[in-house]
Protein backbone atom coordinates (compact mmCIF):
# COMPACT_ATOMS: atom_id res chain seq x y z
CA MET A 1 -14.65 -4.74 8.68
CA LYS A 2 -11.56 -6.70 7.73
CA PRO A 3 -11.19 -7.50 4.04
CA THR A 4 -11.40 -11.04 2.71
CA ALA A 5 -8.49 -12.82 1.07
CA GLU A 6 -10.19 -12.20 -2.28
CA GLN A 7 -10.48 -8.46 -1.62
CA ILE A 8 -6.82 -8.32 -0.64
CA ALA A 9 -5.84 -10.14 -3.83
CA GLU A 10 -7.92 -7.65 -5.85
CA GLN A 11 -6.10 -4.75 -4.24
CA ILE A 12 -2.71 -6.30 -4.98
CA THR A 13 -3.70 -6.65 -8.62
CA ALA A 14 -5.04 -3.09 -8.75
CA LEU A 15 -1.87 -1.67 -7.19
CA ARG A 16 0.35 -3.54 -9.62
CA GLU A 17 -1.68 -2.21 -12.53
CA LEU A 18 -1.45 1.33 -11.15
CA ARG A 19 2.30 0.97 -10.76
CA GLY A 20 2.59 0.34 -14.48
CA ARG A 21 0.69 3.52 -15.30
CA LEU A 22 2.17 5.98 -12.80
CA GLN A 23 5.31 8.00 -13.22
CA SER A 24 8.08 6.54 -11.12
CA HIS A 25 8.51 9.75 -9.07
CA THR A 26 6.40 12.70 -8.02
CA LEU A 27 7.41 16.27 -8.76
CA PHE A 28 8.82 16.36 -5.22
CA GLY A 29 11.04 13.33 -5.84
CA ASP A 30 8.94 10.83 -3.90
CA ASP A 31 9.12 7.31 -5.34
CA ASN A 32 5.62 6.24 -6.38
CA HIS A 33 6.77 2.78 -7.39
CA ALA A 34 8.50 2.13 -4.06
CA ALA A 35 5.41 3.33 -2.19
CA ILE A 36 3.18 0.96 -4.15
CA ASP A 37 5.68 -1.86 -3.64
CA ALA A 38 5.55 -1.21 0.11
CA ALA A 39 1.74 -1.39 0.11
CA VAL A 40 1.82 -4.63 -1.91
CA LEU A 41 4.32 -6.13 0.55
CA VAL A 42 2.03 -5.24 3.46
CA LEU A 43 -0.95 -6.83 1.71
CA GLU A 44 0.90 -9.97 0.63
CA GLN A 45 2.37 -10.60 4.07
CA ARG A 46 -0.59 -9.19 6.06
CA LEU A 47 1.76 -6.90 7.97
CA THR A 48 0.60 -4.71 10.84
CA GLU A 49 1.30 -1.03 11.44
CA ASP A 50 4.02 -2.03 13.89
CA ASP A 51 5.60 -4.24 11.23
CA CYS A 52 5.74 -1.24 8.89
CA ASP A 53 8.01 0.56 11.36
CA CYS A 54 10.62 -2.16 10.89
CA LEU A 55 10.76 -1.98 7.09
CA GLY A 56 13.12 1.00 6.87
CA LEU A 57 10.85 2.95 4.57
CA ASP A 58 11.01 6.66 3.88
CA VAL A 59 8.06 8.82 4.95
CA TYR A 60 6.15 8.59 1.66
CA GLU A 61 6.54 4.82 1.42
CA SER A 62 5.68 4.43 5.10
CA ILE A 63 2.42 6.34 4.72
CA CYS A 64 1.30 4.02 1.93
CA ALA A 65 2.37 0.93 3.85
CA VAL A 66 0.57 2.03 7.02
CA GLN A 67 -2.60 2.84 5.08
CA ALA A 68 -2.52 -0.66 3.61
CA ALA A 69 -1.96 -2.17 7.06
CA GLN A 70 -4.88 -0.19 8.47
CA TRP A 71 -7.14 -1.44 5.68
CA VAL A 72 -6.08 -5.06 6.30
CA ALA A 73 -6.80 -4.57 10.02
CA GLY A 74 -10.24 -3.14 9.26
CA VAL A 75 -9.40 0.27 10.73
CA THR A 76 -10.29 2.10 7.50
CA ASP A 77 -12.56 1.39 4.57
CA GLU A 78 -10.35 3.24 2.06
CA THR A 79 -8.67 0.64 -0.08
CA PRO A 80 -4.93 0.90 -0.73
CA ALA A 81 -5.50 1.38 -4.47
CA GLY A 82 -8.31 3.86 -3.87
CA GLY A 83 -5.93 6.52 -2.66
CA TRP A 84 -4.11 6.48 -5.99
CA MET A 85 -7.16 6.95 -8.18
């Protein structure tokens, strides 16, 4: 089921709060903050998976963006912030 505008707004807030608590990079050098920013962009602009391909993201950021797009489309029930907790 596709999320409501309120649920999307809640996820944006949750992701922004997580961003403030997470280290900027993983031990492998992946940018956590950029990945969260990508997911927030997808949620704010209601981007699709195809749109994510045009953002020029690295693999880690792209995975987070696509997961957010799938949640917005109702393909998955896992919330974008849920994967970080």
